[in-house]
Amino acid sequence: MVDLSALGHPASYGVRTDMTRTGSGLVASVALVPESPDAGYEDLRWRRGWDPYIFQGLPSVDPAWVLKIDRTSGAPLGIVRLLDATLLPDRRPWEWRQNVYDRILWRAPVQAPPLASAEWLETARRRDTVLLYGPLDAGSDTPSDWERLVCVHAYCQFTDRM
């Protein structure tokens, strides 16, 4: 058994799967909703290095960020940043180890992982990427300040475990 608790991010987020229309078409996306004082714009923009949200297009994929998805149920399992993106930035991303994490930004609760729609799952499988964005206000579909919305275009990894 491996203890992943030390990799946990001090900021706590909830997530919601949805579809986002971009200049590149309809994409599977995951909205992050802050659940702790450390979570929010400052954390995502400056500590995690996410870019300002671009409404007209889709940013390039950042291979350091991965959304882990259960291959059987399609439920999101977690959002991680790969350690090799930090330690071995000169190597090609496909040479990075996919199960060695620098940070776990979010991990699904064991009791009830969030479910994704069939359309979301089909789009994520077809594109093999997902748009992660936030922060959104709790209980809202929109951010309180559009200028403080950030995102990262991440890969999807369909797997049996986190």
Protein backbone atom coordinates (compact mmCIF):
# COMPACT_ATOMS: atom_id res chain seq x y z
CA MET A 1 0.00 0.00 0.00
CA VAL A 2 1.32 3.42 -0.95
CA ASP A 3 0.37 6.48 1.09
CA LEU A 4 -0.47 9.36 -1.26
CA SER A 5 -1.52 11.77 1.49
CA ALA A 6 1.78 13.69 1.41
CA LEU A 7 1.09 14.64 -2.21
CA GLY A 8 -2.25 16.17 -1.33
CA HIS A 9 -2.68 19.77 -2.22
CA PRO A 10 -3.40 22.10 0.76
CA ALA A 11 -6.19 23.79 -1.20
CA SER A 12 -9.39 21.80 -1.40
CA TYR A 13 -11.61 21.75 -4.49
CA GLY A 14 -14.83 20.17 -5.58
CA VAL A 15 -15.30 19.33 -9.25
CA ARG A 16 -18.12 19.26 -11.76
CA THR A 17 -17.96 17.75 -15.24
CA ASP A 18 -19.53 19.70 -18.09
CA MET A 19 -19.17 20.52 -21.77
CA THR A 20 -17.63 23.82 -22.90
CA ARG A 21 -17.96 25.40 -26.32
CA THR A 22 -14.65 26.84 -27.51
CA GLY A 23 -13.32 28.10 -30.82
CA SER A 24 -12.17 24.49 -31.31
CA GLY A 25 -15.66 23.06 -30.84
CA LEU A 26 -17.35 21.35 -27.92
CA VAL A 27 -14.89 19.94 -25.38
CA ALA A 28 -15.22 17.89 -22.21
CA SER A 29 -14.36 20.09 -19.25
CA VAL A 30 -14.10 20.00 -15.47
CA ALA A 31 -14.93 23.04 -13.35
CA LEU A 32 -13.12 23.48 -10.04
CA VAL A 33 -15.05 24.93 -7.11
CA PRO A 34 -12.98 26.11 -4.10
CA GLU A 35 -13.83 24.37 -0.82
CA SER A 36 -11.12 25.85 1.40
CA PRO A 37 -9.55 29.27 2.02
CA ASP A 38 -6.34 28.22 0.20
CA ALA A 39 -8.29 27.34 -2.96
CA GLY A 40 -9.12 29.83 -5.69
CA TYR A 41 -7.59 32.10 -8.30
CA GLU A 42 -4.26 32.75 -6.54
CA ASP A 43 -3.67 29.03 -6.09
CA LEU A 44 -4.57 28.01 -9.64
CA ARG A 45 -2.95 30.96 -11.42
CA TRP A 46 0.23 31.51 -9.46
CA ARG A 47 1.00 28.32 -7.52
CA ARG A 48 -0.20 25.87 -10.19
CA GLY A 49 0.72 28.01 -13.21
CA TRP A 50 -2.61 27.87 -15.02
CA ASP A 51 -3.23 30.43 -17.76
CA PRO A 52 -6.05 32.96 -18.12
CA TYR A 53 -9.13 31.42 -19.71
CA ILE A 54 -9.38 32.14 -23.46
CA PHE A 55 -12.95 32.27 -24.70
CA GLN A 56 -12.14 32.18 -28.42
CA GLY A 57 -9.96 29.08 -28.46
CA LEU A 58 -8.48 26.14 -26.67
CA PRO A 59 -5.00 26.41 -25.15
CA SER A 60 -2.32 23.91 -26.12
CA VAL A 61 -2.32 20.70 -24.09
CA ASP A 62 -0.08 20.87 -21.02
CA PRO A 63 1.30 17.32 -20.68
CA ALA A 64 2.15 17.89 -17.01
CA TRP A 65 -1.54 17.85 -16.04
CA VAL A 66 -3.62 14.65 -16.21
CA LEU A 67 -7.23 13.87 -15.37
CA LYS A 68 -7.43 10.25 -14.19
CA ILE A 69 -10.72 8.58 -15.25
CA ASP A 70 -12.00 5.15 -14.24
CA ARG A 71 -11.96 3.09 -17.43
CA THR A 72 -15.00 1.02 -16.40
CA SER A 73 -17.42 3.55 -14.92
CA GLY A 74 -16.09 6.72 -16.57
CA ALA A 75 -16.03 8.50 -13.21
CA PRO A 76 -13.24 11.05 -12.70
CA LEU A 77 -10.74 9.75 -10.13
CA GLY A 78 -8.37 12.67 -9.70
CA ILE A 79 -6.44 15.60 -11.15
CA VAL A 80 -2.66 15.25 -10.91
CA ARG A 81 0.52 17.01 -11.98
CA LEU A 82 3.22 14.57 -13.08
CA LEU A 83 6.50 14.68 -11.14
CA ASP A 84 8.65 14.24 -14.24
CA ALA A 85 7.26 17.51 -15.63
CA THR A 86 9.17 19.16 -12.78
CA LEU A 87 12.20 16.86 -12.55
CA LEU A 88 12.76 16.05 -16.23
CA PRO A 89 11.36 18.99 -18.23
CA ASP A 90 13.85 18.38 -21.07
CA ARG A 91 12.52 14.88 -21.75
CA ARG A 92 9.64 14.32 -24.12
CA PRO A 93 6.29 14.10 -22.27
CA TRP A 94 5.61 10.55 -23.48
CA GLU A 95 8.80 9.50 -21.66
CA TRP A 96 7.44 10.78 -18.33
CA ARG A 97 6.15 8.26 -15.80
CA GLN A 98 2.34 8.46 -15.79
CA ASN A 99 1.86 7.20 -12.21
CA VAL A 100 4.42 9.34 -10.35
CA TYR A 101 2.87 12.57 -9.13
CA ASP A 102 4.26 15.93 -8.12
CA ARG A 103 0.89 17.04 -6.79
CA ILE A 104 -2.64 15.71 -6.45
CA LEU A 105 -4.88 18.73 -6.99
CA TRP A 106 -8.12 16.81 -6.48
CA ARG A 107 -9.03 13.24 -5.60
CA ALA A 108 -12.51 11.73 -5.89
CA PRO A 109 -14.21 10.81 -2.63
CA VAL A 110 -14.37 7.05 -2.17
CA GLN A 111 -18.06 7.03 -1.24
CA ALA A 112 -19.47 8.80 -4.29
CA PRO A 113 -17.16 9.86 -7.11
CA PRO A 114 -18.72 12.44 -9.44
CA LEU A 115 -20.39 10.97 -12.49
CA ALA A 116 -19.95 12.17 -16.03
CA SER A 117 -22.57 12.19 -18.78
CA ALA A 118 -22.28 9.84 -21.74
CA GLU A 119 -21.61 12.85 -24.00
CA TRP A 120 -18.80 14.06 -21.73
CA LEU A 121 -17.22 10.62 -21.57
CA GLU A 122 -17.44 10.10 -25.35
CA THR A 123 -15.86 13.50 -26.01
CA ALA A 124 -13.07 12.90 -23.47
CA ARG A 125 -12.30 9.50 -25.02
CA ARG A 126 -12.36 10.85 -28.58
CA ARG A 127 -10.15 13.90 -27.89
CA ASP A 128 -8.09 12.26 -25.13
CA THR A 129 -8.00 15.66 -23.41
CA VAL A 130 -10.14 17.75 -21.11
CA LEU A 131 -10.26 21.45 -20.24
CA LEU A 132 -9.79 22.10 -16.51
CA TYR A 133 -10.97 25.55 -15.42
CA GLY A 134 -11.88 27.55 -12.35
CA PRO A 135 -12.46 28.85 -9.87
CA LEU A 136 -16.25 28.90 -9.89
CA ASP A 137 -18.35 30.04 -6.97
CA ALA A 138 -20.10 27.26 -5.07
CA GLY A 139 -23.59 26.68 -6.43
CA SER A 140 -22.95 28.82 -9.51
CA ASP A 141 -22.34 28.04 -13.16
CA THR A 142 -20.25 31.17 -13.63
CA PRO A 143 -17.28 32.78 -11.90
CA SER A 144 -17.82 35.90 -9.83
CA ASP A 145 -15.06 37.63 -11.85
CA TRP A 146 -14.51 36.51 -15.47
CA GLU A 147 -11.04 38.10 -15.48
CA ARG A 148 -10.00 35.73 -12.69
CA LEU A 149 -10.96 32.54 -14.56
CA VAL A 150 -7.97 30.31 -15.36
CA CYS A 151 -7.57 27.01 -17.16
CA VAL A 152 -5.25 24.25 -18.28
CA HIS A 153 -5.79 21.82 -21.15
CA ALA A 154 -4.94 18.40 -19.67
CA TYR A 155 -4.62 14.87 -20.94
CA CYS A 156 -7.06 12.16 -19.91
CA GLN A 157 -5.78 8.83 -18.68
CA PHE A 158 -8.28 5.98 -18.51
CA THR A 159 -7.14 3.67 -15.74
CA ASP A 160 -8.24 1.21 -13.06
CA ARG A 161 -6.87 3.22 -10.15
CA MET A 162 -5.65 6.59 -9.06
